[in-house]
Amino acid sequence: MKLVGEYLEEAIKFERMAAEATDLKLKEALESQATAYRKLADRRLTELKLPPVNLPAVRDRDGQP
């Protein structure tokens, strides 16, 4: 089982790729993957009875998530 930080690293990686993607379907798929990793991190925090981590999503050049 991964650590919370590892899930968040993966989420950020996918958010960065989504922020740079120009193809709409690819962008949506990458954003979906990032969301899934953030949910895994949240689930792990809950299992460990730790408070949520407030780590903002990566934004594209226009300031959009």
PDB file of N, CA and C in Angstrom:
ATOM      1  N   MET A   1       0.845  -1.180   0.000  1.00  0.00           N
ATOM      2  CA  MET A   1       0.000   0.000   0.000  1.00  0.00           C
ATOM      3  C   MET A   1       0.893   1.247   0.000  1.00  0.00           C
ATOM      4  N   LYS A   2       0.545   2.204  -0.833  1.00  0.00           N
ATOM      5  CA  LYS A   2       1.348   3.413  -0.953  1.00  0.00           C
ATOM      6  C   LYS A   2       1.107   4.366   0.214  1.00  0.00           C
ATOM      7  N   LEU A   3       2.063   5.253   0.404  1.00  0.00           N
ATOM      8  CA  LEU A   3       1.926   6.316   1.382  1.00  0.00           C
ATOM      9  C   LEU A   3       1.093   7.444   0.797  1.00  0.00           C
ATOM     10  N   VAL A   4       0.524   8.260   1.659  1.00  0.00           N
ATOM     11  CA  VAL A   4      -0.300   9.386   1.218  1.00  0.00           C
ATOM     12  C   VAL A   4       0.490  10.279   0.268  1.00  0.00           C
ATOM     13  N   GLY A   5       1.729  10.560   0.606  1.00  0.00           N
ATOM     14  CA  GLY A   5       2.560  11.420  -0.228  1.00  0.00           C
ATOM     15  C   GLY A   5       2.761  10.873  -1.629  1.00  0.00           C
ATOM     16  N   GLU A   6       2.863   9.566  -1.744  1.00  0.00           N
ATOM     17  CA  GLU A   6       3.039   8.949  -3.058  1.00  0.00           C
ATOM     18  C   GLU A   6       1.785   9.122  -3.914  1.00  0.00           C
ATOM     19  N   TYR A   7       0.616   8.962  -3.308  1.00  0.00           N
ATOM     20  CA  TYR A   7      -0.632   9.188  -4.040  1.00  0.00           C
ATOM     21  C   TYR A   7      -0.726  10.643  -4.503  1.00  0.00           C
ATOM     22  N   LEU A   8      -0.357  11.560  -3.613  1.00  0.00           N
ATOM     23  CA  LEU A   8      -0.429  12.977  -3.972  1.00  0.00           C
ATOM     24  C   LEU A   8       0.582  13.333  -5.056  1.00  0.00           C
ATOM     25  N   GLU A   9       1.754  12.724  -5.017  1.00  0.00           N
ATOM     26  CA  GLU A   9       2.739  12.947  -6.085  1.00  0.00           C
ATOM     27  C   GLU A   9       2.181  12.525  -7.436  1.00  0.00           C
ATOM     28  N   GLU A  10       1.523  11.374  -7.455  1.00  0.00           N
ATOM     29  CA  GLU A  10       0.923  10.891  -8.701  1.00  0.00           C
ATOM     30  C   GLU A  10      -0.191  11.838  -9.160  1.00  0.00           C
ATOM     31  N   ALA A  11      -1.006  12.306  -8.223  1.00  0.00           N
ATOM     32  CA  ALA A  11      -2.083  13.239  -8.568  1.00  0.00           C
ATOM     33  C   ALA A  11      -1.506  14.495  -9.206  1.00  0.00           C
ATOM     34  N   ILE A  12      -0.468  15.033  -8.623  1.00  0.00           N
ATOM     35  CA  ILE A  12       0.161  16.250  -9.151  1.00  0.00           C
ATOM     36  C   ILE A  12       0.753  15.989 -10.532  1.00  0.00           C
ATOM     37  N   LYS A  13       1.364  14.838 -10.704  1.00  0.00           N
ATOM     38  CA  LYS A  13       1.937  14.490 -12.013  1.00  0.00           C
ATOM     39  C   LYS A  13       0.852  14.503 -13.091  1.00  0.00           C
ATOM     40  N   PHE A  14      -0.285  13.872 -12.800  1.00  0.00           N
ATOM     41  CA  PHE A  14      -1.372  13.824 -13.778  1.00  0.00           C
ATOM     42  C   PHE A  14      -2.016  15.204 -13.974  1.00  0.00           C
ATOM     43  N   GLU A  15      -2.097  15.998 -12.915  1.00  0.00           N
ATOM     44  CA  GLU A  15      -2.633  17.363 -13.054  1.00  0.00           C
ATOM     45  C   GLU A  15      -1.738  18.222 -13.944  1.00  0.00           C
ATOM     46  N   ARG A  16      -0.432  18.063 -13.796  1.00  0.00           N
ATOM     47  CA  ARG A  16       0.492  18.824 -14.653  1.00  0.00           C
ATOM     48  C   ARG A  16       0.348  18.409 -16.118  1.00  0.00           C
ATOM     49  N   MET A  17       0.238  17.108 -16.349  1.00  0.00           N
ATOM     50  CA  MET A  17       0.064  16.650 -17.722  1.00  0.00           C
ATOM     51  C   MET A  17      -1.255  17.157 -18.292  1.00  0.00           C
ATOM     52  N   ALA A  18      -2.304  17.138 -17.479  1.00  0.00           N
ATOM     53  CA  ALA A  18      -3.605  17.629 -17.930  1.00  0.00           C
ATOM     54  C   ALA A  18      -3.556  19.123 -18.228  1.00  0.00           C
ATOM     55  N   ALA A  19      -2.826  19.865 -17.421  1.00  0.00           N
ATOM     56  CA  ALA A  19      -2.722  21.314 -17.623  1.00  0.00           C
ATOM     57  C   ALA A  19      -2.047  21.643 -18.949  1.00  0.00           C
ATOM     58  N   GLU A  20      -1.175  20.761 -19.421  1.00  0.00           N
ATOM     59  CA  GLU A  20      -0.458  20.992 -20.673  1.00  0.00           C
ATOM     60  C   GLU A  20      -1.126  20.342 -21.880  1.00  0.00           C
ATOM     61  N   ALA A  21      -2.084  19.473 -21.636  1.00  0.00           N
ATOM     62  CA  ALA A  21      -2.734  18.747 -22.735  1.00  0.00           C
ATOM     63  C   ALA A  21      -3.607  19.682 -23.562  1.00  0.00           C
ATOM     64  N   THR A  22      -3.570  19.503 -24.865  1.00  0.00           N
ATOM     65  CA  THR A  22      -4.401  20.303 -25.761  1.00  0.00           C
ATOM     66  C   THR A  22      -5.600  19.507 -26.274  1.00  0.00           C
ATOM     67  N   ASP A  23      -5.479  18.197 -26.290  1.00  0.00           N
ATOM     68  CA  ASP A  23      -6.583  17.340 -26.713  1.00  0.00           C
ATOM     69  C   ASP A  23      -7.576  17.211 -25.551  1.00  0.00           C
ATOM     70  N   LEU A  24      -8.828  17.548 -25.795  1.00  0.00           N
ATOM     71  CA  LEU A  24      -9.844  17.587 -24.742  1.00  0.00           C
ATOM     72  C   LEU A  24     -10.059  16.218 -24.092  1.00  0.00           C
ATOM     73  N   LYS A  25     -10.128  15.158 -24.895  1.00  0.00           N
ATOM     74  CA  LYS A  25     -10.342  13.822 -24.329  1.00  0.00           C
ATOM     75  C   LYS A  25      -9.166  13.394 -23.459  1.00  0.00           C
ATOM     76  N   LEU A  26      -7.960  13.680 -23.918  1.00  0.00           N
ATOM     77  CA  LEU A  26      -6.772  13.352 -23.138  1.00  0.00           C
ATOM     78  C   LEU A  26      -6.769  14.152 -21.839  1.00  0.00           C
ATOM     79  N   LYS A  27      -7.070  15.438 -21.925  1.00  0.00           N
ATOM     80  CA  LYS A  27      -7.107  16.305 -20.750  1.00  0.00           C
ATOM     81  C   LYS A  27      -8.087  15.753 -19.715  1.00  0.00           C
ATOM     82  N   GLU A  28      -9.278  15.355 -20.163  1.00  0.00           N
ATOM     83  CA  GLU A  28     -10.288  14.822 -19.256  1.00  0.00           C
ATOM     84  C   GLU A  28      -9.822  13.510 -18.623  1.00  0.00           C
ATOM     85  N   ALA A  29      -9.182  12.654 -19.397  1.00  0.00           N
ATOM     86  CA  ALA A  29      -8.688  11.381 -18.875  1.00  0.00           C
ATOM     87  C   ALA A  29      -7.599  11.615 -17.815  1.00  0.00           C
ATOM     88  N   LEU A  30      -6.709  12.548 -18.094  1.00  0.00           N
ATOM     89  CA  LEU A  30      -5.644  12.850 -17.141  1.00  0.00           C
ATOM     90  C   LEU A  30      -6.211  13.459 -15.864  1.00  0.00           C
ATOM     91  N   GLU A  31      -7.187  14.344 -16.008  1.00  0.00           N
ATOM     92  CA  GLU A  31      -7.834  14.949 -14.832  1.00  0.00           C
ATOM     93  C   GLU A  31      -8.550  13.883 -14.009  1.00  0.00           C
ATOM     94  N   SER A  32      -9.175  12.939 -14.680  1.00  0.00           N
ATOM     95  CA  SER A  32      -9.861  11.843 -13.994  1.00  0.00           C
ATOM     96  C   SER A  32      -8.871  10.994 -13.205  1.00  0.00           C
ATOM     97  N   GLN A  33      -7.728  10.733 -13.797  1.00  0.00           N
ATOM     98  CA  GLN A  33      -6.696   9.947 -13.118  1.00  0.00           C
ATOM     99  C   GLN A  33      -6.180  10.708 -11.896  1.00  0.00           C
ATOM    100  N   ALA A  34      -5.976  12.011 -12.028  1.00  0.00           N
ATOM    101  CA  ALA A  34      -5.524  12.826 -10.895  1.00  0.00           C
ATOM    102  C   ALA A  34      -6.551  12.784  -9.766  1.00  0.00           C
ATOM    103  N   THR A  35      -7.816  12.891 -10.115  1.00  0.00           N
ATOM    104  CA  THR A  35      -8.886  12.833  -9.111  1.00  0.00           C
ATOM    105  C   THR A  35      -8.879  11.495  -8.389  1.00  0.00           C
ATOM    106  N   ALA A  36      -8.665  10.432  -9.132  1.00  0.00           N
ATOM    107  CA  ALA A  36      -8.628   9.097  -8.533  1.00  0.00           C
ATOM    108  C   ALA A  36      -7.482   8.987  -7.520  1.00  0.00           C
ATOM    109  N   TYR A  37      -6.321   9.535  -7.851  1.00  0.00           N
ATOM    110  CA  TYR A  37      -5.189   9.489  -6.920  1.00  0.00           C
ATOM    111  C   TYR A  37      -5.460  10.337  -5.682  1.00  0.00           C
ATOM    112  N   ARG A  38      -6.125  11.462  -5.857  1.00  0.00           N
ATOM    113  CA  ARG A  38      -6.472  12.282  -4.688  1.00  0.00           C
ATOM    114  C   ARG A  38      -7.465  11.545  -3.786  1.00  0.00           C
ATOM    115  N   LYS A  39      -8.396  10.816  -4.372  1.00  0.00           N
ATOM    116  CA  LYS A  39      -9.344  10.026  -3.583  1.00  0.00           C
ATOM    117  C   LYS A  39      -8.621   8.919  -2.820  1.00  0.00           C
ATOM    118  N   LEU A  40      -7.646   8.290  -3.466  1.00  0.00           N
ATOM    119  CA  LEU A  40      -6.858   7.266  -2.778  1.00  0.00           C
ATOM    120  C   LEU A  40      -6.101   7.863  -1.591  1.00  0.00           C
ATOM    121  N   ALA A  41      -5.546   9.048  -1.780  1.00  0.00           N
ATOM    122  CA  ALA A  41      -4.843   9.727  -0.683  1.00  0.00           C
ATOM    123  C   ALA A  41      -5.815  10.021   0.458  1.00  0.00           C
ATOM    124  N   ASP A  42      -6.992  10.522   0.125  1.00  0.00           N
ATOM    125  CA  ASP A  42      -7.997  10.815   1.154  1.00  0.00           C
ATOM    126  C   ASP A  42      -8.406   9.545   1.905  1.00  0.00           C
ATOM    127  N   ARG A  43      -8.599   8.464   1.162  1.00  0.00           N
ATOM    128  CA  ARG A  43      -8.988   7.200   1.780  1.00  0.00           C
ATOM    129  C   ARG A  43      -7.901   6.721   2.746  1.00  0.00           C
ATOM    130  N   ARG A  44      -6.654   6.858   2.305  1.00  0.00           N
ATOM    131  CA  ARG A  44      -5.534   6.422   3.158  1.00  0.00           C
ATOM    132  C   ARG A  44      -5.458   7.270   4.415  1.00  0.00           C
ATOM    133  N   LEU A  45      -5.669   8.582   4.289  1.00  0.00           N
ATOM    134  CA  LEU A  45      -5.671   9.461   5.456  1.00  0.00           C
ATOM    135  C   LEU A  45      -6.765   9.049   6.441  1.00  0.00           C
ATOM    136  N   THR A  46      -7.927   8.712   5.904  1.00  0.00           N
ATOM    137  CA  THR A  46      -9.037   8.273   6.747  1.00  0.00           C
ATOM    138  C   THR A  46      -8.684   6.983   7.477  1.00  0.00           C
ATOM    139  N   GLU A  47      -8.071   6.051   6.764  1.00  0.00           N
ATOM    140  CA  GLU A  47      -7.665   4.783   7.376  1.00  0.00           C
ATOM    141  C   GLU A  47      -6.673   5.009   8.513  1.00  0.00           C
ATOM    142  N   LEU A  48      -5.797   5.978   8.331  1.00  0.00           N
ATOM    143  CA  LEU A  48      -4.778   6.279   9.340  1.00  0.00           C
ATOM    144  C   LEU A  48      -5.281   7.247  10.407  1.00  0.00           C
ATOM    145  N   LYS A  49      -6.532   7.682  10.253  1.00  0.00           N
ATOM    146  CA  LYS A  49      -7.160   8.640  11.176  1.00  0.00           C
ATOM    147  C   LYS A  49      -6.365   9.935  11.277  1.00  0.00           C
ATOM    148  N   LEU A  50      -5.935  10.410  10.098  1.00  0.00           N
ATOM    149  CA  LEU A  50      -5.194  11.664   9.993  1.00  0.00           C
ATOM    150  C   LEU A  50      -6.088  12.727   9.372  1.00  0.00           C
ATOM    151  N   PRO A  51      -5.800  13.998   9.645  1.00  0.00           N
ATOM    152  CA  PRO A  51      -6.618  15.061   9.045  1.00  0.00           C
ATOM    153  C   PRO A  51      -6.351  15.169   7.544  1.00  0.00           C
ATOM    154  N   PRO A  52      -7.319  15.713   6.801  1.00  0.00           N
ATOM    155  CA  PRO A  52      -7.137  15.874   5.351  1.00  0.00           C
ATOM    156  C   PRO A  52      -5.979  16.819   5.037  1.00  0.00           C
ATOM    157  N   VAL A  53      -5.366  16.593   3.902  1.00  0.00           N
ATOM    158  CA  VAL A  53      -4.284  17.445   3.415  1.00  0.00           C
ATOM    159  C   VAL A  53      -4.887  18.424   2.423  1.00  0.00           C
ATOM    160  N   ASN A  54      -4.646  19.701   2.640  1.00  0.00           N
ATOM    161  CA  ASN A  54      -5.158  20.723   1.734  1.00  0.00           C
ATOM    162  C   ASN A  54      -4.061  21.094   0.746  1.00  0.00           C
ATOM    163  N   LEU A  55      -3.948  20.314  -0.306  1.00  0.00           N
ATOM    164  CA  LEU A  55      -2.951  20.534  -1.347  1.00  0.00           C
ATOM    165  C   LEU A  55      -3.696  20.936  -2.611  1.00  0.00           C
ATOM    166  N   PRO A  56      -3.602  22.218  -3.007  1.00  0.00           N
ATOM    167  CA  PRO A  56      -4.373  22.664  -4.177  1.00  0.00           C
ATOM    168  C   PRO A  56      -3.944  21.959  -5.452  1.00  0.00           C
ATOM    169  N   ALA A  57      -4.881  21.860  -6.359  1.00  0.00           N
ATOM    170  CA  ALA A  57      -4.624  21.244  -7.651  1.00  0.00           C
ATOM    171  C   ALA A  57      -3.700  22.119  -8.482  1.00  0.00           C
ATOM    172  N   VAL A  58      -2.951  21.492  -9.369  1.00  0.00           N
ATOM    173  CA  VAL A  58      -2.102  22.204 -10.300  1.00  0.00           C
ATOM    174  C   VAL A  58      -3.007  22.898 -11.318  1.00  0.00           C
ATOM    175  N   ARG A  59      -2.683  24.114 -11.670  1.00  0.00           N
ATOM    176  CA  ARG A  59      -3.495  24.885 -12.613  1.00  0.00           C
ATOM    177  C   ARG A  59      -2.720  25.123 -13.899  1.00  0.00           C
ATOM    178  N   ASP A  60      -3.477  25.294 -14.991  1.00  0.00           N
ATOM    179  CA  ASP A  60      -2.829  25.562 -16.275  1.00  0.00           C
ATOM    180  C   ASP A  60      -2.457  27.039 -16.371  1.00  0.00           C
ATOM    181  N   ARG A  61      -1.949  27.444 -17.507  1.00  0.00           N
ATOM    182  CA  ARG A  61      -1.482  28.826 -17.697  1.00  0.00           C
ATOM    183  C   ARG A  61      -2.582  29.869 -17.544  1.00  0.00           C
ATOM    184  N   ASP A  62      -3.833  29.457 -17.783  1.00  0.00           N
ATOM    185  CA  ASP A  62      -4.966  30.369 -17.671  1.00  0.00           C
ATOM    186  C   ASP A  62      -5.532  30.396 -16.253  1.00  0.00           C
ATOM    187  N   GLY A  63      -4.928  29.663 -15.335  1.00  0.00           N
ATOM    188  CA  GLY A  63      -5.403  29.620 -13.967  1.00  0.00           C
ATOM    189  C   GLY A  63      -6.524  28.639 -13.737  1.00  0.00           C
ATOM    190  N   GLN A  64      -6.812  27.807 -14.743  1.00  0.00           N
ATOM    191  CA  GLN A  64      -7.882  26.819 -14.633  1.00  0.00           C
ATOM    192  C   GLN A  64      -7.310  25.512 -14.073  1.00  0.00           C
ATOM    193  N   PRO A  65      -8.090  24.818 -13.223  1.00  0.00           N
ATOM    194  CA  PRO A  65      -7.613  23.520 -12.704  1.00  0.00           C
ATOM    195  C   PRO A  65      -7.562  22.469 -13.788  1.00  0.00           C
TER     196      PRO A  65
END
